Each structure stands twice: as C-alpha cells, then as structure tokens.
PDB file of N, CA and C in Angstrom:
ATOM      1  N   MET A   1      -7.192  19.992   3.172  1.00  0.00           N
ATOM      2  CA  MET A   1      -5.302  20.205   3.311  1.00  0.00           C
ATOM      3  C   MET A   1      -5.637  18.876   3.671  1.00  0.00           C
ATOM      4  N   PRO A   2      -4.115  18.444   3.336  1.00  0.00           N
ATOM      5  CA  PRO A   2      -4.362  17.847   4.159  1.00  0.00           C
ATOM      6  C   PRO A   2      -3.421  17.414   5.157  1.00  0.00           C
ATOM      7  N   THR A   3      -3.855  16.833   6.180  1.00  0.00           N
ATOM      8  CA  THR A   3      -3.014  16.323   8.007  1.00  0.00           C
ATOM      9  C   THR A   3      -2.963  15.394   8.613  1.00  0.00           C
ATOM     10  N   THR A   4      -2.694  14.275   8.150  1.00  0.00           N
ATOM     11  CA  THR A   4      -2.033  13.033   8.266  1.00  0.00           C
ATOM     12  C   THR A   4      -0.869  13.030   7.695  1.00  0.00           C
ATOM     13  N   ARG A   5      -0.223  12.529   8.482  1.00  0.00           N
ATOM     14  CA  ARG A   5       1.618  12.242   7.618  1.00  0.00           C
ATOM     15  C   ARG A   5       0.887  11.268   6.093  1.00  0.00           C
ATOM     16  N   ASP A   6       0.077  10.498   6.455  1.00  0.00           N
ATOM     17  CA  ASP A   6      -0.157   9.557   4.774  1.00  0.00           C
ATOM     18  C   ASP A   6      -0.079  11.061   4.198  1.00  0.00           C
ATOM     19  N   GLU A   7      -1.320  11.195   4.758  1.00  0.00           N
ATOM     20  CA  GLU A   7      -2.498  12.627   3.480  1.00  0.00           C
ATOM     21  C   GLU A   7      -1.258  13.452   2.951  1.00  0.00           C
ATOM     22  N   ILE A   8      -0.088  13.468   3.598  1.00  0.00           N
ATOM     23  CA  ILE A   8       1.174  14.665   4.099  1.00  0.00           C
ATOM     24  C   ILE A   8       1.864  13.869   2.353  1.00  0.00           C
ATOM     25  N   LEU A   9       2.344  13.320   2.763  1.00  0.00           N
ATOM     26  CA  LEU A   9       3.661  11.970   1.752  1.00  0.00           C
ATOM     27  C   LEU A   9       2.859  12.235   0.311  1.00  0.00           C
ATOM     28  N   GLU A  10       0.727  11.642   1.086  1.00  0.00           N
ATOM     29  CA  GLU A  10       0.230  11.482  -0.800  1.00  0.00           C
ATOM     30  C   GLU A  10       0.745  12.316  -1.757  1.00  0.00           C
ATOM     31  N   ALA A  11       0.140  13.326  -0.508  1.00  0.00           N
ATOM     32  CA  ALA A  11       0.352  14.452  -2.040  1.00  0.00           C
ATOM     33  C   ALA A  11       1.882  15.045  -2.040  1.00  0.00           C
ATOM     34  N   ALA A  12       2.480  15.308  -1.866  1.00  0.00           N
ATOM     35  CA  ALA A  12       3.981  15.578  -2.062  1.00  0.00           C
ATOM     36  C   ALA A  12       4.257  14.897  -3.077  1.00  0.00           C
ATOM     37  N   LEU A  13       4.055  13.498  -3.698  1.00  0.00           N
ATOM     38  CA  LEU A  13       4.296  12.730  -4.158  1.00  0.00           C
ATOM     39  C   LEU A  13       3.343  13.059  -5.161  1.00  0.00           C
ATOM     40  N   GLN A  14       2.656  13.896  -5.322  1.00  0.00           N
ATOM     41  CA  GLN A  14       2.440  14.260  -7.278  1.00  0.00           C
ATOM     42  C   GLN A  14       3.294  15.213  -7.451  1.00  0.00           C
ATOM     43  N   LEU A  15       3.711  16.061  -6.002  1.00  0.00           N
ATOM     44  CA  LEU A  15       4.698  17.453  -7.559  1.00  0.00           C
ATOM     45  C   LEU A  15       6.098  16.856  -7.882  1.00  0.00           C
ATOM     46  N   SER A  16       6.764  17.950  -8.380  1.00  0.00           N
ATOM     47  CA  SER A  16       7.863  16.923  -9.492  1.00  0.00           C
ATOM     48  C   SER A  16       8.730  17.034  -8.273  1.00  0.00           C
ATOM     49  N   GLU A  17       9.743  16.374  -9.619  1.00  0.00           N
ATOM     50  CA  GLU A  17      10.776  15.308  -8.837  1.00  0.00           C
ATOM     51  C   GLU A  17      11.782  16.831  -7.958  1.00  0.00           C
ATOM     52  N   ALA A  18      11.693  17.796  -8.729  1.00  0.00           N
ATOM     53  CA  ALA A  18      12.315  19.124  -8.265  1.00  0.00           C
ATOM     54  C   ALA A  18      11.847  19.355  -6.952  1.00  0.00           C
ATOM     55  N   ASP A  19      10.991  19.492  -7.064  1.00  0.00           N
ATOM     56  CA  ASP A  19       9.862  19.526  -6.256  1.00  0.00           C
ATOM     57  C   ASP A  19      10.228  19.008  -4.803  1.00  0.00           C
ATOM     58  N   ARG A  20       9.912  17.793  -5.082  1.00  0.00           N
ATOM     59  CA  ARG A  20       9.736  17.202  -3.746  1.00  0.00           C
ATOM     60  C   ARG A  20      11.883  17.098  -3.501  1.00  0.00           C
ATOM     61  N   LEU A  21      12.897  17.264  -4.828  1.00  0.00           N
ATOM     62  CA  LEU A  21      14.199  17.082  -3.720  1.00  0.00           C
ATOM     63  C   LEU A  21      14.186  19.327  -2.765  1.00  0.00           C
ATOM     64  N   VAL A  22      13.694  19.815  -3.590  1.00  0.00           N
ATOM     65  CA  VAL A  22      13.236  20.725  -2.730  1.00  0.00           C
ATOM     66  C   VAL A  22      12.264  20.882  -1.140  1.00  0.00           C
ATOM     67  N   ILE A  23      12.191  20.059  -1.129  1.00  0.00           N
ATOM     68  CA  ILE A  23      11.548  20.246  -0.183  1.00  0.00           C
ATOM     69  C   ILE A  23      12.082  18.898   1.287  1.00  0.00           C
ATOM     70  N   ALA A  24      12.959  17.798   0.208  1.00  0.00           N
ATOM     71  CA  ALA A  24      13.695  16.959   1.489  1.00  0.00           C
ATOM     72  C   ALA A  24      14.692  17.927   1.730  1.00  0.00           C
ATOM     73  N   SER A  25      15.338  19.057   0.891  1.00  0.00           N
ATOM     74  CA  SER A  25      16.525  19.737   1.667  1.00  0.00           C
ATOM     75  C   SER A  25      16.209  20.506   2.545  1.00  0.00           C
ATOM     76  N   GLU A  26      15.001  21.227   2.520  1.00  0.00           N
ATOM     77  CA  GLU A  26      14.581  21.965   3.559  1.00  0.00           C
ATOM     78  C   GLU A  26      14.217  21.289   4.880  1.00  0.00           C
ATOM     79  N   PHE A  27      13.973  20.135   4.895  1.00  0.00           N
ATOM     80  CA  PHE A  27      12.942  19.445   6.619  1.00  0.00           C
ATOM     81  C   PHE A  27      14.941  19.076   7.125  1.00  0.00           C
ATOM     82  N   LEU A  28      15.900  17.929   5.361  1.00  0.00           N
ATOM     83  CA  LEU A  28      17.110  18.157   6.284  1.00  0.00           C
ATOM     84  C   LEU A  28      17.571  19.380   7.285  1.00  0.00           C
ATOM     85  N   GLU A  29      17.270  20.853   6.834  1.00  0.00           N
ATOM     86  CA  GLU A  29      17.792  22.018   7.405  1.00  0.00           C
ATOM     87  C   GLU A  29      16.986  22.273   8.522  1.00  0.00           C
ATOM     88  N   THR A  30      16.305  21.831   9.063  1.00  0.00           N
ATOM     89  CA  THR A  30      15.404  21.230  10.235  1.00  0.00           C
ATOM     90  C   THR A  30      16.131  20.733  10.810  1.00  0.00           C
ATOM     91  N   LEU A  31      16.382  20.016  11.288  1.00  0.00           N
ATOM     92  CA  LEU A  31      16.855  18.385  12.082  1.00  0.00           C
ATOM     93  C   LEU A  31      18.084  19.711  12.969  1.00  0.00           C
ATOM     94  N   PRO A  32      18.390  19.394  13.989  1.00  0.00           N
ATOM     95  CA  PRO A  32      19.267  19.797  15.106  1.00  0.00           C
ATOM     96  C   PRO A  32      20.895  19.578  14.472  1.00  0.00           C
ATOM     97  N   LYS A  33      21.789  21.102  14.172  1.00  0.00           N
ATOM     98  CA  LYS A  33      22.754  21.500  13.472  1.00  0.00           C
ATOM     99  C   LYS A  33      23.568  19.458  13.715  1.00  0.00           C
ATOM    100  N   ASP A  34      23.973  19.034  15.102  1.00  0.00           N
ATOM    101  CA  ASP A  34      25.349  18.204  15.857  1.00  0.00           C
ATOM    102  C   ASP A  34      24.528  16.654  15.920  1.00  0.00           C
ATOM    103  N   LEU A  35      22.727  16.607  14.960  1.00  0.00           N
ATOM    104  CA  LEU A  35      23.386  15.226  14.171  1.00  0.00           C
ATOM    105  C   LEU A  35      23.985  15.264  13.610  1.00  0.00           C
ATOM    106  N   PRO A  36      25.408  14.437  13.014  1.00  0.00           N
ATOM    107  CA  PRO A  36      25.573  14.107  12.216  1.00  0.00           C
ATOM    108  C   PRO A  36      25.491  12.683  11.063  1.00  0.00           C
ATOM    109  N   GLY A  37      25.774  13.160   9.699  1.00  0.00           N
ATOM    110  CA  GLY A  37      25.746  12.751   9.219  1.00  0.00           C
ATOM    111  C   GLY A  37      23.592  13.289   8.834  1.00  0.00           C
ATOM    112  N   LEU A  38      23.491  14.364   8.353  1.00  0.00           N
ATOM    113  CA  LEU A  38      22.091  14.522   8.844  1.00  0.00           C
ATOM    114  C   LEU A  38      22.453  15.468   7.305  1.00  0.00           C
ATOM    115  N   ALA A  39      22.930  16.097   7.419  1.00  0.00           N
ATOM    116  CA  ALA A  39      22.986  17.466   6.892  1.00  0.00           C
ATOM    117  C   ALA A  39      23.469  17.837   5.694  1.00  0.00           C
ATOM    118  N   MET A  40      22.740  18.045   4.499  1.00  0.00           N
ATOM    119  CA  MET A  40      23.592  17.664   2.888  1.00  0.00           C
ATOM    120  C   MET A  40      24.933  17.832   2.862  1.00  0.00           C
ATOM    121  N   ALA A  41      24.475  18.809   3.850  1.00  0.00           N
ATOM    122  CA  ALA A  41      27.258  19.491   3.872  1.00  0.00           C
ATOM    123  C   ALA A  41      27.147  18.857   4.511  1.00  0.00           C
ATOM    124  N   ASP A  42      27.080  17.712   5.034  1.00  0.00           N
ATOM    125  CA  ASP A  42      27.843  17.161   6.101  1.00  0.00           C
ATOM    126  C   ASP A  42      28.984  16.058   5.159  1.00  0.00           C
ATOM    127  N   PRO A  43      30.172  16.048   5.232  1.00  0.00           N
ATOM    128  CA  PRO A  43      31.084  15.236   3.895  1.00  0.00           C
ATOM    129  C   PRO A  43      30.757  13.932   3.577  1.00  0.00           C
ATOM    130  N   GLY A  44      30.706  13.017   4.633  1.00  0.00           N
ATOM    131  CA  GLY A  44      29.733  11.757   4.540  1.00  0.00           C
ATOM    132  C   GLY A  44      28.586  11.399   4.534  1.00  0.00           C
ATOM    133  N   LEU A  45      28.264  12.091   4.527  1.00  0.00           N
ATOM    134  CA  LEU A  45      27.023  12.245   3.791  1.00  0.00           C
ATOM    135  C   LEU A  45      27.202  11.488   2.047  1.00  0.00           C
ATOM    136  N   MET A  46      27.790  13.385   1.836  1.00  0.00           N
ATOM    137  CA  MET A  46      27.556  13.121   0.672  1.00  0.00           C
ATOM    138  C   MET A  46      28.162  11.794  -0.051  1.00  0.00           C
ATOM    139  N   ALA A  47      29.288  10.991   0.412  1.00  0.00           N
ATOM    140  CA  ALA A  47      30.322  10.723   0.344  1.00  0.00           C
ATOM    141  C   ALA A  47      29.294   9.487   0.388  1.00  0.00           C
ATOM    142  N   GLU A  48      28.424   8.470   0.713  1.00  0.00           N
ATOM    143  CA  GLU A  48      27.822   7.198   1.618  1.00  0.00           C
ATOM    144  C   GLU A  48      27.047   7.560   0.793  1.00  0.00           C
ATOM    145  N   LEU A  49      25.985   8.694   0.157  1.00  0.00           N
ATOM    146  CA  LEU A  49      25.063   8.996  -1.444  1.00  0.00           C
ATOM    147  C   LEU A  49      25.388   8.303  -2.374  1.00  0.00           C
ATOM    148  N   GLU A  50      27.603   9.090  -2.810  1.00  0.00           N
ATOM    149  CA  GLU A  50      27.729   8.604  -3.941  1.00  0.00           C
ATOM    150  C   GLU A  50      28.147   7.214  -3.797  1.00  0.00           C
ATOM    151  N   ARG A  51      28.500   6.190  -2.691  1.00  0.00           N
ATOM    152  CA  ARG A  51      28.760   4.686  -2.995  1.00  0.00           C
ATOM    153  C   ARG A  51      27.140   4.455  -3.127  1.00  0.00           C
ATOM    154  N   ARG A  52      26.276   4.612  -2.799  1.00  0.00           N
ATOM    155  CA  ARG A  52      25.332   4.462  -3.002  1.00  0.00           C
ATOM    156  C   ARG A  52      24.183   4.092  -3.903  1.00  0.00           C
ATOM    157  N   SER A  53      24.994   4.797  -4.604  1.00  0.00           N
ATOM    158  CA  SER A  53      23.988   5.557  -5.891  1.00  0.00           C
ATOM    159  C   SER A  53      25.178   5.054  -7.038  1.00  0.00           C
ATOM    160  N   GLY A  54      25.906   4.272  -6.963  1.00  0.00           N
ATOM    161  CA  GLY A  54      26.713   3.399  -7.936  1.00  0.00           C
ATOM    162  C   GLY A  54      27.133   1.742  -6.660  1.00  0.00           C
ATOM    163  N   ASP A  55      26.283   1.631  -6.590  1.00  0.00           N
ATOM    164  CA  ASP A  55      26.070   0.006  -6.053  1.00  0.00           C
ATOM    165  C   ASP A  55      24.933  -0.486  -5.893  1.00  0.00           C
ATOM    166  N   LEU A  56      24.398  -0.630  -7.209  1.00  0.00           N
ATOM    167  CA  LEU A  56      22.194  -0.985  -7.145  1.00  0.00           C
ATOM    168  C   LEU A  56      22.183  -2.293  -7.114  1.00  0.00           C
ATOM    169  N   GLU A  57      23.773  -3.478  -6.666  1.00  0.00           N
ATOM    170  CA  GLU A  57      23.205  -4.693  -6.988  1.00  0.00           C
ATOM    171  C   GLU A  57      22.786  -4.902  -5.169  1.00  0.00           C
ATOM    172  N   GLY A  58      21.104  -5.473  -5.066  1.00  0.00           N
ATOM    173  CA  GLY A  58      20.697  -6.228  -3.521  1.00  0.00           C
ATOM    174  C   GLY A  58      19.684  -4.708  -3.763  1.00  0.00           C
ATOM    175  N   SER A  59      19.473  -3.783  -4.157  1.00  0.00           N
ATOM    176  CA  SER A  59      18.931  -3.007  -4.166  1.00  0.00           C
ATOM    177  C   SER A  59      17.585  -2.791  -4.177  1.00  0.00           C
ATOM    178  N   ILE A  60      17.194  -2.108  -2.959  1.00  0.00           N
ATOM    179  CA  ILE A  60      15.539  -1.924  -2.928  1.00  0.00           C
ATOM    180  C   ILE A  60      14.631  -1.334  -4.055  1.00  0.00           C
ATOM    181  N   PRO A  61      14.155  -1.336  -4.172  1.00  0.00           N
ATOM    182  CA  PRO A  61      13.547  -0.750  -5.547  1.00  0.00           C
ATOM    183  C   PRO A  61      12.206   0.338  -4.465  1.00  0.00           C
ATOM    184  N   TRP A  62      12.152   1.217  -4.602  1.00  0.00           N
ATOM    185  CA  TRP A  62      11.758   2.357  -3.135  1.00  0.00           C
ATOM    186  C   TRP A  62       9.897   1.587  -3.288  1.00  0.00           C
ATOM    187  N   GLU A  63       9.649   1.482  -4.169  1.00  0.00           N
ATOM    188  CA  GLU A  63       8.352   1.686  -4.119  1.00  0.00           C
ATOM    189  C   GLU A  63       8.155   0.112  -3.183  1.00  0.00           C
ATOM    190  N   GLN A  64       8.491  -0.865  -2.610  1.00  0.00           N
ATOM    191  CA  GLN A  64       9.024  -1.773  -2.089  1.00  0.00           C
ATOM    192  C   GLN A  64       9.344  -1.557  -0.434  1.00  0.00           C
ATOM    193  N   LEU A  65      10.071  -0.268  -1.080  1.00  0.00           N
ATOM    194  CA  LEU A  65      10.839   0.241   0.790  1.00  0.00           C
ATOM    195  C   LEU A  65       9.796   1.115   1.236  1.00  0.00           C
ATOM    196  N   ARG A  66       9.049   1.435   0.814  1.00  0.00           N
ATOM    197  CA  ARG A  66       8.310   2.638   0.786  1.00  0.00           C
ATOM    198  C   ARG A  66       7.008   1.632   1.621  1.00  0.00           C
ATOM    199  N   ASP A  67       6.483   1.378   0.715  1.00  0.00           N
ATOM    200  CA  ASP A  67       5.031   0.025   1.520  1.00  0.00           C
ATOM    201  C   ASP A  67       5.670  -0.546   2.552  1.00  0.00           C
ATOM    202  N   SER A  68       6.371  -0.899   3.130  1.00  0.00           N
ATOM    203  CA  SER A  68       7.252  -1.521   4.224  1.00  0.00           C
ATOM    204  C   SER A  68       7.045  -0.129   5.320  1.00  0.00           C
ATOM    205  N   LEU A  69       7.934   0.524   4.586  1.00  0.00           N
ATOM    206  CA  LEU A  69       8.081   2.027   6.107  1.00  0.00           C
ATOM    207  C   LEU A  69       6.295   2.296   6.068  1.00  0.00           C
ATOM    208  N   ARG A  70       5.874   2.080   5.251  1.00  0.00           N
ATOM    209  CA  ARG A  70       3.676   2.542   5.803  1.00  0.00           C
ATOM    210  C   ARG A  70       3.784   1.917   6.641  1.00  0.00           C
ATOM    211  N   ASP A  71       4.012   0.509   7.124  1.00  0.00           N
ATOM    212  CA  ASP A  71       3.409  -0.800   7.868  1.00  0.00           C
ATOM    213  C   ASP A  71       4.472  -0.357   9.427  1.00  0.00           C
ATOM    214  N   THR A  72       5.351   0.011   9.587  1.00  0.00           N
ATOM    215  CA  THR A  72       6.057   0.530  10.679  1.00  0.00           C
ATOM    216  C   THR A  72       5.168   1.290  11.318  1.00  0.00           C
ATOM    217  N   PRO A  73       4.742   1.293  12.772  1.00  0.00           N
ATOM    218  CA  PRO A  73       4.049   2.180  13.593  1.00  0.00           C
ATOM    219  C   PRO A  73       4.713   3.910  13.863  1.00  0.00           C
TER     220      PRO A  73
END
C-alpha cells in the first residue's frame, strides 16, 4: 500500500480519468470552506477554469509542470 506522497500520486495516476476527477473533487471538498477560489462551487474558480481551457497559448504540458512540482520540496 502506498504511503508517501509520491507513491500515492503514482498509484492515483494509474486510475481512470473519471476516477481521478472524482478523487480531485473529493480532495477539494476536504479543504476549509472559507478559502476563496478552492471549492468547485466557487463561481470565480469555474470562470477561471473556463478562461484557461480556452487559452492554450503559452501553456505548459502537464508532464513538464508535474516534473517541476516534484522538484519542489
């Protein structure tokens, strides 16, 4: 059973896209409700996601971003 953050992430990445989406949503729901912009129901977050999904110019591939995040302590 995975126990470290990297092991858990690696195991989660083996799941289907639908399962990863469910887990991501469930994680967001565990965060404090008074933090603006972190709940999926937050209209500001949804507007930002829509904006970003329509603007791919200058975007960074997920693999590159993920690797840079792994290098961050």
